[in-house]
Amino acid sequence: MPHAKLTDATIRALQSPASGQADYWDTTVGFKGFGIRVSQGGRKSFVLLAERRRMTLGAYPILSLSAARELAARTLARQTLDLDPEPPTMLFGDALNIYFESHCDVVNRTKTAYETKRLLNRHFKRKLERSRLADIRTSRIAELLDDIESLSVRRHAFAALRGFFAYTVRRGLLKVSPCDRLETPGGKAPSRERVLEDGELKAVWHAAEVIGYPFGTIVRLLILTGQRRSEIGGLRREWIKGDRVEFPAEVMKAKKPHTIALAPDAKAIIDAIPIKTGFLFPARRRGERKPGDRAFNGWSKGKAILERRIAPALPQWGLHDLRRTASTRWAELSVQPHINDMLLAHTMQGVSPVHRVYNLATHLEPMREALEKWETKLQALITDAPCGT
């Protein structure tokens, strides 16, 4: 195994091996077991042999050499001297990179990792990047949270930041999290039992019509179909098979394929979208990203625009409440519980595991009848016409 005194110049000059990985161990006094691993593809990661195992500290240059040495020194001190020295004076930006590299990208689902990174980068990174972790006060965190206009976004941003600081404490980068004394913005989250009243649902529908494509169209489809926002926001043209939608397993929460029928109004909305291939609601183009590379992701901005069109404002509500509202209304229209569950892609209640394995009936016709009943009811509501006229 090659040895060298590691410097930034030395690390940059290291060549990728023809195959596998190569380790280069630091000869700096006091850093036995500290080194850098270079992979065949050119990736360089700091490693440390400590406590009878190899630890990956983070990727270079996302994690700087000085920050990696601080992590290594702390671990080695605990191992050789049985001490717990003061946490290293790491910068917020360096710690954030370690969190993304060793936690978000490893532990979280792809969607969760993306959203966590987006929230932390957008609301905290630029303002705290050069601050030492130990210097970040609770009052500063409160100020940054207060700057976020939407309560919903504020809550999600706080949850992401609290998770990051909890990680730094577990990793030994910080003794106490500055989030510990803060309460969740807006208090305890409301119980997930919100069902919109008829007048509220009507207001949301009309506001969605006004703002139009893409977000308004997504909202109307959420109301009509009762599907999750990720399923409608990520809808692709190739999933539309005539008068039904076939969602592949990889986009479903239960990781199983899901098929729903399309009633006339929902089908007309989808057919009117001029996009012929790929995402029906593509994300806006940014930088080098090609148009249509990603599904719609402007949820917070879209909901804020939608809420400005609703007067009077609705009490605290979310897009998921549209799904719960649809399911409740289906039940009121005497839709059978197992059809309701199938529309929602839920496990059918009271059905044995053996029955679920062998009964693969899609029940498309009962699903279509249920959604047609719902569209009739909804049209009467938004036009103020008596049901059945």
Protein backbone atom coordinates (compact mmCIF):
# COMPACT_ATOMS: atom_id res chain seq x y z
CA MET A 1 0.00 0.00 0.00
CA PRO A 2 1.56 3.36 -1.01
CA HIS A 3 2.28 5.99 1.63
CA ALA A 4 2.61 9.77 1.16
CA LYS A 5 2.32 13.02 3.05
CA LEU A 6 -1.15 14.07 1.97
CA THR A 7 -1.60 17.61 0.69
CA ASP A 8 -4.17 19.05 -1.69
CA ALA A 9 -1.58 19.01 -4.47
CA THR A 10 -0.72 15.38 -3.73
CA ILE A 11 -4.36 14.33 -3.71
CA ARG A 12 -5.15 16.11 -6.97
CA ALA A 13 -2.19 14.36 -8.63
CA LEU A 14 -3.27 10.84 -7.63
CA GLN A 15 -4.12 8.70 -10.64
CA SER A 16 -7.01 6.26 -10.84
CA PRO A 17 -6.03 2.57 -10.78
CA ALA A 18 -6.64 0.42 -13.85
CA SER A 19 -9.15 -1.60 -11.85
CA GLY A 20 -10.64 -1.70 -8.36
CA GLN A 21 -9.42 0.79 -5.76
CA ALA A 22 -6.11 2.06 -4.42
CA ASP A 23 -5.43 3.34 -0.90
CA TYR A 24 -2.83 6.02 -0.10
CA TRP A 25 -1.93 6.36 3.59
CA ASP A 26 -0.93 9.65 5.18
CA THR A 27 2.59 9.81 6.68
CA THR A 28 1.81 12.94 8.71
CA VAL A 29 2.78 12.35 12.35
CA GLY A 30 -0.22 11.48 14.51
CA PHE A 31 -2.46 10.36 11.63
CA LYS A 32 -1.70 6.66 11.41
CA GLY A 33 -4.56 4.90 9.64
CA PHE A 34 -5.73 8.04 7.84
CA GLY A 35 -5.64 8.05 4.06
CA ILE A 36 -7.51 8.46 0.82
CA ARG A 37 -9.02 5.83 -1.43
CA VAL A 38 -9.05 6.34 -5.21
CA SER A 39 -11.47 4.27 -7.27
CA GLN A 40 -11.18 3.16 -10.87
CA GLY A 41 -13.74 5.78 -11.85
CA GLY A 42 -11.72 8.62 -10.30
CA ARG A 43 -13.69 9.05 -7.08
CA LYS A 44 -11.52 10.02 -4.10
CA SER A 45 -12.73 9.44 -0.52
CA PHE A 46 -11.02 9.94 2.82
CA VAL A 47 -10.81 6.77 4.92
CA LEU A 48 -9.68 5.94 8.43
CA LEU A 49 -8.69 2.63 10.03
CA ALA A 50 -9.94 2.99 13.58
CA GLU A 51 -11.70 0.92 16.20
CA ARG A 52 -11.06 -2.25 14.19
CA ARG A 53 -12.91 -1.06 11.13
CA ARG A 54 -12.49 1.06 8.06
CA MET A 55 -14.48 4.27 8.11
CA THR A 56 -15.31 6.41 5.10
CA LEU A 57 -15.18 10.04 6.20
CA GLY A 58 -16.37 11.70 2.99
CA ALA A 59 -15.55 12.40 -0.64
CA TYR A 60 -12.84 14.81 -1.75
CA PRO A 61 -13.11 17.72 -2.55
CA ILE A 62 -16.63 17.90 -1.09
CA LEU A 63 -14.93 17.23 2.23
CA SER A 64 -11.72 19.26 2.50
CA LEU A 65 -8.44 17.75 3.64
CA SER A 66 -8.39 19.91 6.80
CA ALA A 67 -11.94 18.93 7.74
CA ALA A 68 -11.16 15.25 7.15
CA ARG A 69 -8.09 15.49 9.37
CA GLU A 70 -10.20 17.02 12.15
CA LEU A 71 -12.60 14.09 11.98
CA ALA A 72 -9.72 11.62 11.94
CA ALA A 73 -7.97 13.31 14.88
CA ARG A 74 -11.05 13.16 17.04
CA THR A 75 -11.67 9.49 16.31
CA LEU A 76 -8.03 8.54 16.86
CA ALA A 77 -7.92 10.44 20.16
CA ARG A 78 -10.95 8.57 21.44
CA GLN A 79 -9.45 5.26 20.34
CA THR A 80 -5.89 5.66 21.68
CA LEU A 81 -6.43 7.81 24.76
CA ASP A 82 -10.00 6.91 25.68
CA LEU A 83 -10.80 10.63 25.61
CA ASP A 84 -13.77 12.56 24.31
CA PRO A 85 -12.19 15.86 23.26
CA GLU A 86 -14.08 18.96 22.24
CA PRO A 87 -15.87 18.60 18.90
CA PRO A 88 -13.85 19.80 15.91
CA THR A 89 -14.37 23.38 14.76
CA MET A 90 -16.07 22.32 11.55
CA LEU A 91 -17.91 24.73 9.30
CA PHE A 92 -21.61 24.29 8.59
CA GLY A 93 -20.94 23.87 4.87
CA ASP A 94 -18.38 21.09 5.39
CA ALA A 95 -20.64 19.25 7.82
CA LEU A 96 -23.55 19.59 5.40
CA ASN A 97 -21.50 17.96 2.64
CA ILE A 98 -20.64 15.06 4.96
CA TYR A 99 -24.33 14.69 5.86
CA PHE A 100 -25.36 14.55 2.21
CA GLU A 101 -22.58 12.12 1.31
CA SER A 102 -22.70 9.68 4.22
CA HIS A 103 -26.34 9.88 5.32
CA CYS A 104 -28.79 11.25 2.75
CA ASP A 105 -27.29 9.40 -0.21
CA VAL A 106 -26.92 6.18 1.77
CA VAL A 107 -29.87 5.97 4.16
CA ASN A 108 -32.69 7.97 2.55
CA ARG A 109 -34.84 7.08 -0.41
CA THR A 110 -33.93 9.00 -3.56
CA LYS A 111 -36.94 11.30 -3.30
CA THR A 112 -36.38 11.96 0.42
CA ALA A 113 -32.68 12.68 -0.13
CA TYR A 114 -33.48 15.10 -2.96
CA GLU A 115 -36.05 17.01 -0.91
CA THR A 116 -33.81 17.16 2.19
CA LYS A 117 -30.91 18.55 0.16
CA ARG A 118 -33.16 21.05 -1.58
CA LEU A 119 -34.55 22.43 1.69
CA LEU A 120 -31.17 22.68 3.42
CA ASN A 121 -29.41 24.19 0.43
CA ARG A 122 -32.14 26.70 -0.32
CA HIS A 123 -32.94 27.97 3.16
CA PHE A 124 -29.76 27.54 5.20
CA LYS A 125 -26.58 26.77 3.27
CA ARG A 126 -25.83 30.20 1.83
CA LYS A 127 -26.40 32.02 5.13
CA LEU A 128 -24.61 29.53 7.40
CA GLU A 129 -22.00 27.97 5.12
CA ARG A 130 -18.98 29.74 6.65
CA SER A 131 -20.22 29.58 10.24
CA ARG A 132 -18.69 27.19 12.75
CA LEU A 133 -21.20 24.61 13.94
CA ALA A 134 -20.54 25.47 17.58
CA ASP A 135 -21.19 29.19 16.90
CA ILE A 136 -24.68 28.71 15.43
CA ARG A 137 -27.20 29.84 18.03
CA THR A 138 -30.84 28.89 18.47
CA SER A 139 -31.83 32.52 17.91
CA ARG A 140 -30.14 32.49 14.48
CA ILE A 141 -32.03 29.35 13.46
CA ALA A 142 -35.29 30.98 14.59
CA GLU A 143 -34.53 34.06 12.45
CA LEU A 144 -33.89 31.97 9.34
CA LEU A 145 -37.10 30.02 9.88
CA ASP A 146 -39.09 33.24 10.32
CA ASP A 147 -37.84 34.38 6.90
CA ILE A 148 -39.69 31.50 5.23
CA GLU A 149 -43.10 32.81 4.23
CA SER A 150 -45.09 29.58 3.94
CA LEU A 151 -45.86 27.79 7.21
CA SER A 152 -45.85 24.43 5.45
CA VAL A 153 -42.40 25.03 3.94
CA ARG A 154 -41.17 26.37 7.29
CA ARG A 155 -42.23 23.15 8.99
CA HIS A 156 -40.50 20.96 6.40
CA ALA A 157 -37.35 23.07 6.44
CA PHE A 158 -37.20 22.88 10.24
CA ALA A 159 -37.59 19.10 10.15
CA ALA A 160 -34.73 18.82 7.64
CA LEU A 161 -32.45 21.10 9.68
CA ARG A 162 -33.29 19.34 12.94
CA GLY A 163 -32.35 16.02 11.32
CA PHE A 164 -29.04 17.46 10.13
CA PHE A 165 -28.05 18.82 13.54
CA ALA A 166 -29.09 15.56 15.24
CA TYR A 167 -26.71 13.80 12.85
CA THR A 168 -23.84 16.16 13.74
CA VAL A 169 -24.38 15.41 17.43
CA ARG A 170 -24.38 11.66 16.82
CA ARG A 171 -21.23 12.01 14.72
CA GLY A 172 -19.45 13.97 17.44
CA LEU A 173 -19.23 17.20 15.46
CA LEU A 174 -21.40 19.10 17.92
CA LYS A 175 -22.32 18.66 21.56
CA VAL A 176 -25.85 20.07 21.54
CA SER A 177 -28.16 20.82 18.64
CA PRO A 178 -29.33 24.46 18.36
CA CYS A 179 -32.72 23.07 17.31
CA ASP A 180 -33.35 21.28 20.59
CA ARG A 181 -35.11 24.22 22.28
CA LEU A 182 -37.19 25.16 19.25
CA GLU A 183 -40.74 23.96 18.74
CA THR A 184 -42.05 22.93 15.36
CA PRO A 185 -43.27 26.09 13.56
CA GLY A 186 -46.99 26.45 14.00
CA GLY A 187 -47.04 24.02 16.92
CA LYS A 188 -47.86 20.36 16.77
CA ALA A 189 -48.87 19.18 13.32
CA PRO A 190 -52.63 18.87 12.93
CA SER A 191 -54.11 15.40 12.89
CA ARG A 192 -54.30 13.99 9.38
CA GLU A 193 -58.09 13.95 9.34
CA ARG A 194 -58.81 17.03 7.23
CA VAL A 195 -61.66 16.53 4.78
CA LEU A 196 -62.63 19.57 2.74
CA GLU A 197 -66.21 20.72 2.94
CA ASP A 198 -68.16 21.18 -0.29
CA GLY A 199 -67.61 24.94 -0.35
CA GLU A 200 -63.89 24.52 0.27
CA LEU A 201 -63.53 21.91 -2.44
CA LYS A 202 -65.40 24.15 -4.86
CA ALA A 203 -63.09 27.06 -4.03
CA VAL A 204 -60.00 24.93 -4.64
CA TRP A 205 -61.37 23.63 -7.95
CA HIS A 206 -62.18 27.11 -9.29
CA ALA A 207 -58.80 28.48 -8.16
CA ALA A 208 -57.09 25.58 -9.93
CA GLU A 209 -59.03 26.35 -13.11
CA VAL A 210 -57.90 29.97 -12.95
CA ILE A 211 -54.16 29.24 -12.59
CA GLY A 212 -54.34 26.47 -15.19
CA TYR A 213 -51.49 24.29 -16.43
CA PRO A 214 -49.38 22.85 -14.94
CA PHE A 215 -50.19 23.14 -11.24
CA GLY A 216 -53.89 23.91 -11.59
CA THR A 217 -54.28 20.94 -13.92
CA ILE A 218 -52.49 18.69 -11.42
CA VAL A 219 -54.80 19.85 -8.62
CA ARG A 220 -57.93 19.13 -10.64
CA LEU A 221 -56.65 15.63 -11.44
CA LEU A 222 -55.88 15.08 -7.75
CA ILE A 223 -59.50 15.94 -6.93
CA LEU A 224 -60.93 13.77 -9.73
CA THR A 225 -58.76 10.68 -9.20
CA GLY A 226 -57.76 10.71 -5.52
CA GLN A 227 -54.20 9.71 -6.40
CA ARG A 228 -51.05 10.88 -4.60
CA ARG A 229 -49.45 14.10 -5.75
CA SER A 230 -46.22 12.30 -6.73
CA GLU A 231 -48.19 9.92 -8.96
CA ILE A 232 -50.06 12.70 -10.79
CA GLY A 233 -47.12 15.12 -10.82
CA GLY A 234 -44.94 12.38 -12.31
CA LEU A 235 -47.54 11.17 -14.81
CA ARG A 236 -46.06 10.08 -18.16
CA ARG A 237 -47.84 9.86 -21.50
CA GLU A 238 -46.86 6.22 -22.00
CA TRP A 239 -48.76 5.26 -18.84
CA ILE A 240 -52.04 6.39 -20.43
CA LYS A 241 -53.68 3.38 -22.06
CA GLY A 242 -56.92 4.65 -23.57
CA ASP A 243 -59.36 5.11 -20.71
CA ARG A 244 -57.05 3.96 -17.91
CA VAL A 245 -53.71 4.79 -16.31
CA GLU A 246 -51.13 2.09 -15.56
CA PHE A 247 -48.69 3.30 -12.91
CA PRO A 248 -45.47 1.21 -12.80
CA ALA A 249 -44.35 -0.32 -9.51
CA GLU A 250 -41.32 1.95 -9.11
CA VAL A 251 -43.42 5.11 -8.67
CA MET A 252 -45.86 3.59 -6.19
CA LYS A 253 -45.51 3.78 -2.42
CA ALA A 254 -46.19 0.03 -2.05
CA LYS A 255 -43.82 -0.76 -4.96
CA LYS A 256 -46.58 -2.61 -6.82
CA PRO A 257 -48.15 -1.71 -10.20
CA HIS A 258 -51.38 0.25 -9.92
CA THR A 259 -54.11 0.69 -12.54
CA ILE A 260 -57.06 3.05 -12.37
CA ALA A 261 -59.84 3.75 -14.81
CA LEU A 262 -60.32 7.25 -16.17
CA ALA A 263 -63.77 8.81 -16.05
CA PRO A 264 -64.64 11.27 -18.87
CA ASP A 265 -63.62 14.55 -17.18
CA ALA A 266 -60.22 13.27 -16.07
CA LYS A 267 -59.58 11.73 -19.47
CA ALA A 268 -60.52 14.99 -21.22
CA ILE A 269 -58.08 16.96 -19.06
CA ILE A 270 -55.25 14.52 -19.80
CA ASP A 271 -56.06 14.36 -23.54
CA ALA A 272 -55.95 18.17 -23.74
CA ILE A 273 -52.29 18.28 -22.60
CA PRO A 274 -50.27 18.68 -25.82
CA ILE A 275 -47.22 16.71 -24.63
CA LYS A 276 -47.02 13.46 -26.60
CA THR A 277 -44.15 11.66 -24.84
CA GLY A 278 -42.56 11.66 -21.40
CA PHE A 279 -43.72 13.65 -18.38
CA LEU A 280 -47.08 15.39 -18.79
CA PHE A 281 -45.95 17.90 -16.15
CA PRO A 282 -42.19 18.38 -16.65
CA ALA A 283 -40.11 20.47 -14.27
CA ARG A 284 -38.90 23.85 -15.47
CA ARG A 285 -35.58 23.79 -17.30
CA ARG A 286 -32.60 24.86 -15.20
CA GLY A 287 -28.95 25.16 -16.17
CA GLU A 288 -27.77 22.28 -18.33
CA ARG A 289 -30.79 20.12 -17.62
CA LYS A 290 -32.77 19.25 -20.72
CA PRO A 291 -36.49 20.05 -20.90
CA GLY A 292 -38.57 17.13 -19.68
CA ASP A 293 -35.76 15.44 -17.74
CA ARG A 294 -37.64 15.63 -14.44
CA ALA A 295 -41.22 15.61 -13.25
CA PHE A 296 -42.93 18.68 -11.79
CA ASN A 297 -41.41 19.74 -8.45
CA GLY A 298 -42.77 23.24 -7.80
CA TRP A 299 -45.20 22.14 -5.10
CA SER A 300 -44.59 24.88 -2.54
CA LYS A 301 -44.65 27.71 -5.07
CA GLY A 302 -47.68 26.25 -6.83
CA LYS A 303 -49.68 25.89 -3.63
CA ALA A 304 -48.80 29.43 -2.57
CA ILE A 305 -50.11 30.75 -5.92
CA LEU A 306 -53.24 28.61 -5.58
CA GLU A 307 -53.94 29.86 -2.06
CA ARG A 308 -53.75 33.48 -3.21
CA ARG A 309 -56.66 32.72 -5.55
CA ILE A 310 -58.85 31.38 -2.76
CA ALA A 311 -60.88 33.90 -0.76
CA PRO A 312 -61.57 33.63 2.05
CA ALA A 313 -58.48 31.60 2.81
CA LEU A 314 -59.00 28.00 3.87
CA PRO A 315 -57.90 26.84 7.33
CA GLN A 316 -54.70 24.84 7.34
CA TRP A 317 -54.88 22.24 4.57
CA GLY A 318 -52.61 20.31 2.24
CA LEU A 319 -52.77 18.61 -1.13
CA HIS A 320 -53.00 15.21 0.55
CA ASP A 321 -56.32 16.34 2.01
CA LEU A 322 -57.74 16.21 -1.53
CA ARG A 323 -57.03 12.47 -1.57
CA ARG A 324 -58.71 11.97 1.81
CA THR A 325 -61.65 14.10 0.66
CA ALA A 326 -62.09 12.06 -2.52
CA SER A 327 -62.04 8.78 -0.57
CA THR A 328 -64.59 10.13 1.92
CA ARG A 329 -66.91 11.31 -0.85
CA TRP A 330 -66.63 7.93 -2.63
CA ALA A 331 -67.79 6.24 0.57
CA GLU A 332 -70.72 8.68 0.81
CA LEU A 333 -71.62 7.68 -2.78
CA SER A 334 -71.85 4.03 -1.62
CA VAL A 335 -68.65 2.94 -3.36
CA GLN A 336 -67.73 -0.46 -1.93
CA PRO A 337 -64.81 -0.35 0.55
CA HIS A 338 -62.64 -2.72 -1.51
CA ILE A 339 -63.11 -0.55 -4.62
CA ASN A 340 -62.28 2.55 -2.58
CA ASP A 341 -59.09 0.85 -1.39
CA MET A 342 -58.17 -0.25 -4.90
CA LEU A 343 -58.58 3.28 -6.24
CA LEU A 344 -56.20 4.51 -3.54
CA ALA A 345 -53.75 1.61 -4.09
CA HIS A 346 -54.28 0.59 -0.46
CA THR A 347 -54.26 -2.96 0.87
CA MET A 348 -57.85 -4.14 0.98
CA GLN A 349 -59.09 -4.31 4.56
CA GLY A 350 -60.33 -7.68 5.83
CA VAL A 351 -58.73 -9.61 2.95
CA SER A 352 -56.40 -12.47 3.82
CA PRO A 353 -52.78 -12.42 2.57
CA VAL A 354 -53.45 -15.62 0.57
CA HIS A 355 -56.45 -14.00 -1.14
CA ARG A 356 -54.35 -10.92 -2.02
CA VAL A 357 -51.73 -13.15 -3.64
CA TYR A 358 -54.13 -15.15 -5.81
CA ASN A 359 -56.93 -12.67 -6.52
CA LEU A 360 -55.39 -10.28 -9.05
CA ALA A 361 -58.63 -8.96 -10.49
CA THR A 362 -58.31 -5.29 -11.46
CA HIS A 363 -61.99 -4.35 -10.95
CA LEU A 364 -61.65 -1.68 -13.62
CA GLU A 365 -65.36 -1.41 -14.35
CA PRO A 366 -66.45 -0.87 -10.72
CA MET A 367 -63.60 1.65 -10.39
CA ARG A 368 -64.81 3.49 -13.49
CA GLU A 369 -68.39 3.54 -12.20
CA ALA A 370 -67.19 4.97 -8.87
CA LEU A 371 -65.20 7.74 -10.54
CA GLU A 372 -68.08 8.58 -12.90
CA LYS A 373 -70.36 8.95 -9.87
CA TRP A 374 -67.78 11.22 -8.30
CA GLU A 375 -67.46 13.37 -11.43
CA THR A 376 -71.24 13.77 -11.59
CA LYS A 377 -71.32 14.82 -7.95
CA LEU A 378 -68.40 17.18 -8.44
CA GLN A 379 -69.87 18.83 -11.53
CA ALA A 380 -73.07 19.50 -9.64
CA LEU A 381 -71.04 21.02 -6.83
CA ILE A 382 -68.91 23.36 -8.92
CA THR A 383 -71.83 24.51 -11.06
CA ASP A 384 -74.27 24.76 -8.11
CA ALA A 385 -76.65 22.49 -9.98
CA PRO A 386 -78.76 19.88 -8.14
CA CYS A 387 -77.22 16.44 -8.34
CA GLY A 388 -78.63 14.44 -11.26
CA THR A 389 -79.64 17.48 -13.39
